[in-house]
Amino acid sequence: AESLGMAGITGLEMLIAQAKVAVEIFLDKKIEDGKIDEIYRRMKADL
């Protein structure tokens, strides 16, 4: 996609975002969305 000039987006952000909501359901507590981007940036750098 990127080689053809399209935006190419993979699923790591989706994985983290859905996990955040799952944890909220598991524990019945609220987690700020900022935590998603924090984890994403760290994992992306590591990978």
All heavy atoms as atom14 arrays in JSON, in Angstrom:
{
  "sequence": "AESLGMAGITGLEMLIAQAKVAVEIFLDKKIEDGKIDEIYRRMKADL",
  "atom14_mask": [
    [1, 1, 1, 1, 1, 0, 0, 0, 0, 0, 0, 0, 0, 0],
    [1, 1, 1, 1, 1, 1, 1, 1, 1, 0, 0, 0, 0, 0],
    [1, 1, 1, 1, 1, 1, 0, 0, 0, 0, 0, 0, 0, 0],
    [1, 1, 1, 1, 1, 1, 1, 1, 0, 0, 0, 0, 0, 0],
    [1, 1, 1, 1, 0, 0, 0, 0, 0, 0, 0, 0, 0, 0],
    [1, 1, 1, 1, 1, 1, 1, 1, 0, 0, 0, 0, 0, 0],
    [1, 1, 1, 1, 1, 0, 0, 0, 0, 0, 0, 0, 0, 0],
    [1, 1, 1, 1, 0, 0, 0, 0, 0, 0, 0, 0, 0, 0],
    [1, 1, 1, 1, 1, 1, 1, 1, 0, 0, 0, 0, 0, 0],
    [1, 1, 1, 1, 1, 1, 1, 0, 0, 0, 0, 0, 0, 0],
    [1, 1, 1, 1, 0, 0, 0, 0, 0, 0, 0, 0, 0, 0],
    [1, 1, 1, 1, 1, 1, 1, 1, 0, 0, 0, 0, 0, 0],
    [1, 1, 1, 1, 1, 1, 1, 1, 1, 0, 0, 0, 0, 0],
    [1, 1, 1, 1, 1, 1, 1, 1, 0, 0, 0, 0, 0, 0],
    [1, 1, 1, 1, 1, 1, 1, 1, 0, 0, 0, 0, 0, 0],
    [1, 1, 1, 1, 1, 1, 1, 1, 0, 0, 0, 0, 0, 0],
    [1, 1, 1, 1, 1, 0, 0, 0, 0, 0, 0, 0, 0, 0],
    [1, 1, 1, 1, 1, 1, 1, 1, 1, 0, 0, 0, 0, 0],
    [1, 1, 1, 1, 1, 0, 0, 0, 0, 0, 0, 0, 0, 0],
    [1, 1, 1, 1, 1, 1, 1, 1, 1, 0, 0, 0, 0, 0],
    [1, 1, 1, 1, 1, 1, 1, 0, 0, 0, 0, 0, 0, 0],
    [1, 1, 1, 1, 1, 0, 0, 0, 0, 0, 0, 0, 0, 0],
    [1, 1, 1, 1, 1, 1, 1, 0, 0, 0, 0, 0, 0, 0],
    [1, 1, 1, 1, 1, 1, 1, 1, 1, 0, 0, 0, 0, 0],
    [1, 1, 1, 1, 1, 1, 1, 1, 0, 0, 0, 0, 0, 0],
    [1, 1, 1, 1, 1, 1, 1, 1, 1, 1, 1, 0, 0, 0],
    [1, 1, 1, 1, 1, 1, 1, 1, 0, 0, 0, 0, 0, 0],
    [1, 1, 1, 1, 1, 1, 1, 1, 0, 0, 0, 0, 0, 0],
    [1, 1, 1, 1, 1, 1, 1, 1, 1, 0, 0, 0, 0, 0],
    [1, 1, 1, 1, 1, 1, 1, 1, 1, 0, 0, 0, 0, 0],
    [1, 1, 1, 1, 1, 1, 1, 1, 0, 0, 0, 0, 0, 0],
    [1, 1, 1, 1, 1, 1, 1, 1, 1, 0, 0, 0, 0, 0],
    [1, 1, 1, 1, 1, 1, 1, 1, 0, 0, 0, 0, 0, 0],
    [1, 1, 1, 1, 0, 0, 0, 0, 0, 0, 0, 0, 0, 0],
    [1, 1, 1, 1, 1, 1, 1, 1, 1, 0, 0, 0, 0, 0],
    [1, 1, 1, 1, 1, 1, 1, 1, 0, 0, 0, 0, 0, 0],
    [1, 1, 1, 1, 1, 1, 1, 1, 0, 0, 0, 0, 0, 0],
    [1, 1, 1, 1, 1, 1, 1, 1, 1, 0, 0, 0, 0, 0],
    [1, 1, 1, 1, 1, 1, 1, 1, 0, 0, 0, 0, 0, 0],
    [1, 1, 1, 1, 1, 1, 1, 1, 1, 1, 1, 1, 0, 0],
    [1, 1, 1, 1, 1, 1, 1, 1, 1, 1, 1, 0, 0, 0],
    [1, 1, 1, 1, 1, 1, 1, 1, 1, 1, 1, 0, 0, 0],
    [1, 1, 1, 1, 1, 1, 1, 1, 0, 0, 0, 0, 0, 0],
    [1, 1, 1, 1, 1, 1, 1, 1, 1, 0, 0, 0, 0, 0],
    [1, 1, 1, 1, 1, 0, 0, 0, 0, 0, 0, 0, 0, 0],
    [1, 1, 1, 1, 1, 1, 1, 1, 0, 0, 0, 0, 0, 0],
    [1, 1, 1, 1, 1, 1, 1, 1, 0, 0, 0, 0, 0, 0]
  ],
  "atom14_positions": [
    [[0.84, -1.21, 0.0], [0.0, 0.0, 0.0], [0.87, 1.26, 0.0], [0.66, 2.17, -0.81], [-0.93, -0.01, 1.21], [0.0, 0.0, 0.0], [0.0, 0.0, 0.0], [0.0, 0.0, 0.0], [0.0, 0.0, 0.0], [0.0, 0.0, 0.0], [0.0, 0.0, 0.0], [0.0, 0.0, 0.0], [0.0, 0.0, 0.0], [0.0, 0.0, 0.0]],
    [[1.84, 1.3, 0.89], [2.72, 2.47, 0.97], [3.49, 2.66, -0.33], [3.69, 3.8, -0.79], [3.68, 2.31, 2.15], [3.01, 2.3, 3.52], [2.56, 3.67, 3.98], [2.91, 4.68, 3.32], [1.84, 3.75, 4.98], [0.0, 0.0, 0.0], [0.0, 0.0, 0.0], [0.0, 0.0, 0.0], [0.0, 0.0, 0.0], [0.0, 0.0, 0.0]],
    [[3.92, 1.56, -0.95], [4.69, 1.67, -2.2], [3.84, 2.22, -3.34], [4.38, 2.77, -4.3], [5.26, 0.3, -2.59], [4.26, -0.56, -3.1], [0.0, 0.0, 0.0], [0.0, 0.0, 0.0], [0.0, 0.0, 0.0], [0.0, 0.0, 0.0], [0.0, 0.0, 0.0], [0.0, 0.0, 0.0], [0.0, 0.0, 0.0], [0.0, 0.0, 0.0]],
    [[2.51, 2.06, -3.23], [1.6, 2.55, -4.26], [1.0, 3.92, -3.91], [0.11, 4.4, -4.6], [0.46, 1.54, -4.46], [0.87, 0.17, -5.02], [-0.3, -0.81, -4.98], [1.39, 0.32, -6.46], [0.0, 0.0, 0.0], [0.0, 0.0, 0.0], [0.0, 0.0, 0.0], [0.0, 0.0, 0.0], [0.0, 0.0, 0.0], [0.0, 0.0, 0.0]],
    [[1.48, 4.53, -2.83], [1.0, 5.86, -2.46], [-0.24, 5.87, -1.6], [-0.86, 6.92, -1.39], [0.0, 0.0, 0.0], [0.0, 0.0, 0.0], [0.0, 0.0, 0.0], [0.0, 0.0, 0.0], [0.0, 0.0, 0.0], [0.0, 0.0, 0.0], [0.0, 0.0, 0.0], [0.0, 0.0, 0.0], [0.0, 0.0, 0.0], [0.0, 0.0, 0.0]],
    [[-0.64, 4.69, -1.1], [-1.78, 4.6, -0.21], [-1.29, 4.63, 1.24], [-0.13, 4.29, 1.52], [-2.53, 3.27, -0.42], [-2.89, 2.95, -1.86], [-3.47, 1.23, -2.01], [-3.58, 1.06, -3.79], [0.0, 0.0, 0.0], [0.0, 0.0, 0.0], [0.0, 0.0, 0.0], [0.0, 0.0, 0.0], [0.0, 0.0, 0.0], [0.0, 0.0, 0.0]],
    [[-2.15, 5.01, 2.17], [-1.82, 4.88, 3.58], [-1.95, 3.42, 3.97], [-2.94, 2.76, 3.62], [-2.76, 5.74, 4.42], [0.0, 0.0, 0.0], [0.0, 0.0, 0.0], [0.0, 0.0, 0.0], [0.0, 0.0, 0.0], [0.0, 0.0, 0.0], [0.0, 0.0, 0.0], [0.0, 0.0, 0.0], [0.0, 0.0, 0.0], [0.0, 0.0, 0.0]],
    [[-0.96, 2.88, 4.67], [-0.99, 1.5, 5.15], [-0.97, 1.48, 6.66], [-0.02, 1.95, 7.29], [0.0, 0.0, 0.0], [0.0, 0.0, 0.0], [0.0, 0.0, 0.0], [0.0, 0.0, 0.0], [0.0, 0.0, 0.0], [0.0, 0.0, 0.0], [0.0, 0.0, 0.0], [0.0, 0.0, 0.0], [0.0, 0.0, 0.0], [0.0, 0.0, 0.0]],
    [[-2.04, 0.95, 7.27], [-2.19, 0.99, 8.73], [-2.4, -0.43, 9.24], [-3.32, -1.13, 8.81], [-3.41, 1.86, 9.13], [-3.26, 3.27, 8.56], [-3.59, 1.89, 10.64], [-4.56, 4.06, 8.54], [0.0, 0.0, 0.0], [0.0, 0.0, 0.0], [0.0, 0.0, 0.0], [0.0, 0.0, 0.0], [0.0, 0.0, 0.0], [0.0, 0.0, 0.0]],
    [[-1.54, -0.87, 10.16], [-1.7, -2.2, 10.74], [-2.4, -2.12, 12.09], [-2.78, -1.05, 12.56], [-0.35, -2.93, 10.84], [0.63, -2.04, 11.36], [0.09, -3.45, 9.49], [0.0, 0.0, 0.0], [0.0, 0.0, 0.0], [0.0, 0.0, 0.0], [0.0, 0.0, 0.0], [0.0, 0.0, 0.0], [0.0, 0.0, 0.0], [0.0, 0.0, 0.0]],
    [[-2.56, -3.28, 12.75], [-3.54, -3.4, 13.83], [-3.06, -3.24, 15.26], [-3.83, -3.52, 16.18], [0.0, 0.0, 0.0], [0.0, 0.0, 0.0], [0.0, 0.0, 0.0], [0.0, 0.0, 0.0], [0.0, 0.0, 0.0], [0.0, 0.0, 0.0], [0.0, 0.0, 0.0], [0.0, 0.0, 0.0], [0.0, 0.0, 0.0], [0.0, 0.0, 0.0]],
    [[-1.83, -2.77, 15.47], [-1.34, -2.69, 16.85], [-2.15, -1.7, 17.69], [-2.48, -1.98, 18.84], [0.14, -2.33, 16.88], [0.8, -2.32, 18.26], [0.67, -3.67, 18.94], [2.28, -1.91, 18.15], [0.0, 0.0, 0.0], [0.0, 0.0, 0.0], [0.0, 0.0, 0.0], [0.0, 0.0, 0.0], [0.0, 0.0, 0.0], [0.0, 0.0, 0.0]],
    [[-2.48, -0.54, 17.13], [-3.28, 0.43, 17.9], [-4.65, -0.15, 18.23], [-5.15, 0.04, 19.34], [-3.44, 1.72, 17.1], [-2.2, 2.58, 17.05], [-2.31, 3.68, 16.02], [-2.39, 3.36, 14.82], [-2.31, 4.85, 16.42], [0.0, 0.0, 0.0], [0.0, 0.0, 0.0], [0.0, 0.0, 0.0], [0.0, 0.0, 0.0], [0.0, 0.0, 0.0]],
    [[-5.26, -0.85, 17.28], [-6.55, -1.47, 17.53], [-6.44, -2.5, 18.64], [-7.29, -2.57, 19.53], [-7.08, -2.13, 16.26], [-8.37, -2.91, 16.48], [-8.99, -3.68, 14.97], [-10.26, -4.75, 15.67], [0.0, 0.0, 0.0], [0.0, 0.0, 0.0], [0.0, 0.0, 0.0], [0.0, 0.0, 0.0], [0.0, 0.0, 0.0], [0.0, 0.0, 0.0]],
    [[-5.37, -3.31, 18.61], [-5.17, -4.33, 19.65], [-5.1, -3.69, 21.03], [-5.73, -4.16, 21.98], [-3.89, -5.11, 19.36], [-3.52, -6.16, 20.41], [-4.47, -7.35, 20.34], [-2.08, -6.62, 20.24], [0.0, 0.0, 0.0], [0.0, 0.0, 0.0], [0.0, 0.0, 0.0], [0.0, 0.0, 0.0], [0.0, 0.0, 0.0], [0.0, 0.0, 0.0]],
    [[-4.32, -2.63, 21.15], [-4.16, -1.97, 22.45], [-5.45, -1.3, 22.88], [-5.85, -1.38, 24.05], [-3.0, -0.95, 22.38], [-1.68, -1.67, 22.04], [-2.88, -0.2, 23.71], [-0.56, -0.72, 21.63], [0.0, 0.0, 0.0], [0.0, 0.0, 0.0], [0.0, 0.0, 0.0], [0.0, 0.0, 0.0], [0.0, 0.0, 0.0], [0.0, 0.0, 0.0]],
    [[-6.13, -0.64, 21.94], [-7.38, 0.06, 22.27], [-8.46, -0.91, 22.71], [-9.17, -0.65, 23.69], [-7.85, 0.88, 21.08], [0.0, 0.0, 0.0], [0.0, 0.0, 0.0], [0.0, 0.0, 0.0], [0.0, 0.0, 0.0], [0.0, 0.0, 0.0], [0.0, 0.0, 0.0], [0.0, 0.0, 0.0], [0.0, 0.0, 0.0], [0.0, 0.0, 0.0]],
    [[-8.61, -2.05, 22.01], [-9.63, -3.0, 22.42], [-9.26, -3.65, 23.75], [-10.13, -3.98, 24.55], [-9.9, -4.05, 21.33], [-8.8, -5.03, 21.02], [-8.73, -6.19, 21.99], [-9.7, -6.49, 22.68], [-7.57, -6.82, 22.06], [0.0, 0.0, 0.0], [0.0, 0.0, 0.0], [0.0, 0.0, 0.0], [0.0, 0.0, 0.0], [0.0, 0.0, 0.0]],
    [[-7.95, -3.84, 23.98], [-7.51, -4.4, 25.27], [-7.83, -3.45, 26.41], [-8.23, -3.88, 27.51], [-6.02, -4.7, 25.22], [0.0, 0.0, 0.0], [0.0, 0.0, 0.0], [0.0, 0.0, 0.0], [0.0, 0.0, 0.0], [0.0, 0.0, 0.0], [0.0, 0.0, 0.0], [0.0, 0.0, 0.0], [0.0, 0.0, 0.0], [0.0, 0.0, 0.0]],
    [[-7.67, -2.16, 26.17], [-7.98, -1.15, 27.2], [-9.44, -1.24, 27.6], [-9.78, -1.25, 28.79], [-7.65, 0.24, 26.67], [-7.68, 1.35, 27.71], [-9.01, 2.02, 27.92], [-9.46, 2.87, 26.78], [-10.67, 3.7, 27.17], [0.0, 0.0, 0.0], [0.0, 0.0, 0.0], [0.0, 0.0, 0.0], [0.0, 0.0, 0.0], [0.0, 0.0, 0.0]],
    [[-10.33, -1.35, 26.61], [-11.76, -1.47, 26.92], [-12.05, -2.8, 27.62], [-12.86, -2.86, 28.54], [-12.6, -1.33, 25.63], [-14.08, -1.48, 25.94], [-12.34, 0.03, 24.98], [0.0, 0.0, 0.0], [0.0, 0.0, 0.0], [0.0, 0.0, 0.0], [0.0, 0.0, 0.0], [0.0, 0.0, 0.0], [0.0, 0.0, 0.0], [0.0, 0.0, 0.0]],
    [[-11.37, -3.87, 27.2], [-11.57, -5.17, 27.85], [-11.17, -5.11, 29.32], [-11.89, -5.63, 30.19], [-10.77, -6.25, 27.13], [0.0, 0.0, 0.0], [0.0, 0.0, 0.0], [0.0, 0.0, 0.0], [0.0, 0.0, 0.0], [0.0, 0.0, 0.0], [0.0, 0.0, 0.0], [0.0, 0.0, 0.0], [0.0, 0.0, 0.0], [0.0, 0.0, 0.0]],
    [[-10.05, -4.46, 29.62], [-9.62, -4.32, 31.01], [-10.64, -3.52, 31.82], [-10.94, -3.85, 32.97], [-8.22, -3.67, 31.09], [-7.86, -3.34, 32.54], [-7.16, -4.59, 30.48], [0.0, 0.0, 0.0], [0.0, 0.0, 0.0], [0.0, 0.0, 0.0], [0.0, 0.0, 0.0], [0.0, 0.0, 0.0], [0.0, 0.0, 0.0], [0.0, 0.0, 0.0]],
    [[-11.2, -2.49, 31.21], [-12.24, -1.71, 31.9], [-13.42, -2.6, 32.26], [-14.01, -2.46, 33.34], [-12.69, -0.55, 31.01], [-11.63, 0.52, 30.81], [-12.08, 1.64, 29.88], [-12.86, 1.36, 28.94], [-11.63, 2.78, 30.07], [0.0, 0.0, 0.0], [0.0, 0.0, 0.0], [0.0, 0.0, 0.0], [0.0, 0.0, 0.0], [0.0, 0.0, 0.0]],
    [[-13.78, -3.52, 31.36], [-14.89, -4.44, 31.63], [-14.48, -5.47, 32.67], [-15.24, -5.78, 33.6], [-15.34, -5.13, 30.32], [-15.93, -4.1, 29.35], [-16.36, -6.23, 30.6], [-16.16, -4.63, 27.95], [0.0, 0.0, 0.0], [0.0, 0.0, 0.0], [0.0, 0.0, 0.0], [0.0, 0.0, 0.0], [0.0, 0.0, 0.0], [0.0, 0.0, 0.0]],
    [[-13.28, -6.02, 32.54], [-12.78, -7.02, 33.49], [-12.83, -6.49, 34.92], [-13.28, -7.17, 35.84], [-11.32, -7.37, 33.2], [-11.08, -8.27, 32.01], [-12.11, -8.69, 31.18], [-9.79, -8.69, 31.72], [-11.86, -9.51, 30.09], [-9.54, -9.52, 30.64], [-10.57, -9.92, 29.82], [0.0, 0.0, 0.0], [0.0, 0.0, 0.0], [0.0, 0.0, 0.0]],
    [[-12.34, -5.26, 35.11], [-12.12, -4.72, 36.45], [-13.15, -3.67, 36.86], [-13.08, -3.16, 37.99], [-10.72, -4.12, 36.55], [-9.56, -5.07, 36.22], [-8.23, -4.35, 36.36], [-9.6, -6.3, 37.12], [0.0, 0.0, 0.0], [0.0, 0.0, 0.0], [0.0, 0.0, 0.0], [0.0, 0.0, 0.0], [0.0, 0.0, 0.0], [0.0, 0.0, 0.0]],
    [[-14.06, -3.33, 35.96], [-15.07, -2.31, 36.22], [-14.42, -1.0, 36.67], [-14.75, -0.44, 37.71], [-16.07, -2.81, 37.27], [-17.3, -1.9, 37.37], [-17.6, -1.21, 36.36], [-17.95, -1.88, 38.43], [0.0, 0.0, 0.0], [0.0, 0.0, 0.0], [0.0, 0.0, 0.0], [0.0, 0.0, 0.0], [0.0, 0.0, 0.0], [0.0, 0.0, 0.0]],
    [[-13.48, -0.53, 35.86], [-12.82, 0.74, 36.17], [-12.48, 1.45, 34.87], [-12.38, 0.83, 33.81], [-11.57, 0.54, 37.01], [-10.38, -0.03, 36.27], [-9.14, 0.02, 37.14], [-7.88, -0.32, 36.33], [-6.66, -0.21, 37.13], [0.0, 0.0, 0.0], [0.0, 0.0, 0.0], [0.0, 0.0, 0.0], [0.0, 0.0, 0.0], [0.0, 0.0, 0.0]],
    [[-12.3, 2.75, 34.93], [-12.03, 3.57, 33.75], [-10.53, 3.76, 33.57], [-9.79, 3.99, 34.54], [-12.72, 4.95, 33.9], [-12.51, 5.89, 32.73], [-13.18, 5.4, 31.48], [-13.0, 6.39, 30.34], [-13.49, 5.86, 29.04], [0.0, 0.0, 0.0], [0.0, 0.0, 0.0], [0.0, 0.0, 0.0], [0.0, 0.0, 0.0], [0.0, 0.0, 0.0]],
    [[-10.06, 3.66, 32.33], [-8.67, 3.93, 31.98], [-8.67, 5.01, 30.89], [-9.41, 4.91, 29.91], [-7.97, 2.66, 31.45], [-8.0, 1.56, 32.52], [-6.53, 2.96, 31.04], [-7.54, 0.2, 32.02], [0.0, 0.0, 0.0], [0.0, 0.0, 0.0], [0.0, 0.0, 0.0], [0.0, 0.0, 0.0], [0.0, 0.0, 0.0], [0.0, 0.0, 0.0]],
    [[-7.84, 6.0, 31.05], [-7.81, 7.1, 30.08], [-7.26, 6.63, 28.74], [-6.34, 5.8, 28.68], [-6.94, 8.25, 30.61], [-7.52, 8.94, 31.83], [-8.9, 9.5, 31.58], [-9.11, 10.11, 30.5], [-9.78, 9.33, 32.44], [0.0, 0.0, 0.0], [0.0, 0.0, 0.0], [0.0, 0.0, 0.0], [0.0, 0.0, 0.0], [0.0, 0.0, 0.0]],
    [[-7.79, 7.19, 27.65], [-7.35, 6.81, 26.31], [-5.87, 7.12, 26.07], [-5.24, 6.48, 25.22], [-8.19, 7.54, 25.25], [-9.5, 6.83, 24.95], [-9.73, 5.73, 25.5], [-10.29, 7.38, 24.16], [0.0, 0.0, 0.0], [0.0, 0.0, 0.0], [0.0, 0.0, 0.0], [0.0, 0.0, 0.0], [0.0, 0.0, 0.0], [0.0, 0.0, 0.0]],
    [[-5.33, 8.07, 26.8], [-3.92, 8.4, 26.63], [-3.0, 7.22, 26.87], [-1.89, 7.16, 26.33], [0.0, 0.0, 0.0], [0.0, 0.0, 0.0], [0.0, 0.0, 0.0], [0.0, 0.0, 0.0], [0.0, 0.0, 0.0], [0.0, 0.0, 0.0], [0.0, 0.0, 0.0], [0.0, 0.0, 0.0], [0.0, 0.0, 0.0], [0.0, 0.0, 0.0]],
    [[-3.45, 6.27, 27.66], [-2.65, 5.07, 27.94], [-2.45, 4.24, 26.68], [-1.42, 3.57, 26.51], [-3.35, 4.24, 29.02], [-2.52, 3.1, 29.58], [-1.34, 3.61, 30.39], [-0.58, 2.47, 31.03], [0.63, 2.92, 31.73], [0.0, 0.0, 0.0], [0.0, 0.0, 0.0], [0.0, 0.0, 0.0], [0.0, 0.0, 0.0], [0.0, 0.0, 0.0]],
    [[-3.43, 4.27, 25.76], [-3.32, 3.53, 24.5], [-2.12, 4.02, 23.71], [-1.26, 3.24, 23.27], [-4.6, 3.67, 23.66], [-5.82, 3.16, 24.42], [-4.45, 2.94, 22.32], [-7.14, 3.5, 23.74], [0.0, 0.0, 0.0], [0.0, 0.0, 0.0], [0.0, 0.0, 0.0], [0.0, 0.0, 0.0], [0.0, 0.0, 0.0], [0.0, 0.0, 0.0]],
    [[-2.04, 5.34, 23.52], [-0.95, 5.91, 22.73], [0.39, 5.73, 23.42], [1.41, 5.5, 22.75], [-1.22, 7.39, 22.46], [-0.31, 7.95, 21.39], [-0.28, 7.38, 20.28], [0.39, 8.95, 21.66], [0.0, 0.0, 0.0], [0.0, 0.0, 0.0], [0.0, 0.0, 0.0], [0.0, 0.0, 0.0], [0.0, 0.0, 0.0], [0.0, 0.0, 0.0]],
    [[0.4, 5.79, 24.73], [1.64, 5.59, 25.48], [2.2, 4.19, 25.23], [3.39, 4.02, 24.94], [1.35, 5.79, 26.97], [2.53, 5.54, 27.88], [2.13, 5.6, 29.35], [1.21, 6.39, 29.69], [2.73, 4.87, 30.15], [0.0, 0.0, 0.0], [0.0, 0.0, 0.0], [0.0, 0.0, 0.0], [0.0, 0.0, 0.0], [0.0, 0.0, 0.0]],
    [[1.34, 3.18, 25.33], [1.78, 1.8, 25.11], [2.15, 1.59, 23.64], [3.15, 0.93, 23.32], [0.69, 0.8, 25.55], [0.46, 0.91, 27.06], [1.06, -0.63, 25.17], [-0.72, 0.09, 27.56], [0.0, 0.0, 0.0], [0.0, 0.0, 0.0], [0.0, 0.0, 0.0], [0.0, 0.0, 0.0], [0.0, 0.0, 0.0], [0.0, 0.0, 0.0]],
    [[1.36, 2.16, 22.75], [1.62, 2.01, 21.32], [2.99, 2.56, 20.94], [3.77, 1.9, 20.23], [0.53, 2.7, 20.5], [0.82, 2.74, 19.02], [0.78, 1.58, 18.25], [1.17, 3.94, 18.38], [1.07, 1.61, 16.89], [1.45, 3.98, 17.03], [1.39, 2.81, 16.29], [1.69, 2.84, 14.95], [0.0, 0.0, 0.0], [0.0, 0.0, 0.0]],
    [[3.31, 3.75, 21.4], [4.58, 4.36, 21.03], [5.76, 3.54, 21.56], [6.77, 3.36, 20.86], [4.65, 5.8, 21.56], [3.73, 6.75, 20.81], [3.76, 8.16, 21.41], [2.85, 9.04, 20.74], [3.11, 9.69, 19.61], [4.31, 9.56, 19.04], [2.2, 10.49, 19.06], [0.0, 0.0, 0.0], [0.0, 0.0, 0.0], [0.0, 0.0, 0.0]],
    [[5.64, 3.04, 22.78], [6.72, 2.22, 23.34], [6.87, 0.92, 22.58], [7.99, 0.52, 22.21], [6.45, 1.93, 24.82], [7.55, 1.09, 25.48], [7.17, 0.64, 26.85], [5.93, -0.12, 26.89], [5.82, -1.36, 26.44], [6.84, -1.99, 25.91], [4.67, -2.0, 26.54], [0.0, 0.0, 0.0], [0.0, 0.0, 0.0], [0.0, 0.0, 0.0]],
    [[5.75, 0.23, 22.31], [5.82, -1.05, 21.61], [6.32, -0.88, 20.18], [7.13, -1.68, 19.69], [4.46, -1.74, 21.61], [4.03, -2.24, 22.96], [2.5, -3.22, 22.89], [3.12, -4.7, 22.05], [0.0, 0.0, 0.0], [0.0, 0.0, 0.0], [0.0, 0.0, 0.0], [0.0, 0.0, 0.0], [0.0, 0.0, 0.0], [0.0, 0.0, 0.0]],
    [[5.88, 0.16, 19.51], [6.32, 0.42, 18.14], [7.82, 0.64, 18.09], [8.52, 0.11, 17.21], [5.58, 1.64, 17.58], [5.89, 1.92, 16.11], [5.12, 3.12, 15.59], [5.47, 3.42, 14.15], [4.75, 4.61, 13.64], [0.0, 0.0, 0.0], [0.0, 0.0, 0.0], [0.0, 0.0, 0.0], [0.0, 0.0, 0.0], [0.0, 0.0, 0.0]],
    [[8.34, 1.41, 19.06], [9.79, 1.65, 19.12], [10.54, 0.35, 19.38], [11.6, 0.1, 18.79], [10.1, 2.68, 20.2], [0.0, 0.0, 0.0], [0.0, 0.0, 0.0], [0.0, 0.0, 0.0], [0.0, 0.0, 0.0], [0.0, 0.0, 0.0], [0.0, 0.0, 0.0], [0.0, 0.0, 0.0], [0.0, 0.0, 0.0], [0.0, 0.0, 0.0]],
    [[10.01, -0.5, 20.24], [10.66, -1.77, 20.57], [10.66, -2.73, 19.39], [11.58, -3.53, 19.22], [9.96, -2.44, 21.76], [10.19, -1.71, 23.07], [11.1, -0.85, 23.12], [9.45, -1.98, 24.04], [0.0, 0.0, 0.0], [0.0, 0.0, 0.0], [0.0, 0.0, 0.0], [0.0, 0.0, 0.0], [0.0, 0.0, 0.0], [0.0, 0.0, 0.0]],
    [[9.59, -2.66, 18.56], [9.43, -3.64, 17.49], [10.11, -3.23, 16.19], [10.28, -4.05, 15.3], [7.93, -3.85, 17.23], [7.16, -4.56, 18.35], [5.64, -4.43, 18.13], [7.57, -6.02, 18.45], [0.0, 0.0, 0.0], [0.0, 0.0, 0.0], [0.0, 0.0, 0.0], [0.0, 0.0, 0.0], [0.0, 0.0, 0.0], [0.0, 0.0, 0.0]]
  ]
}
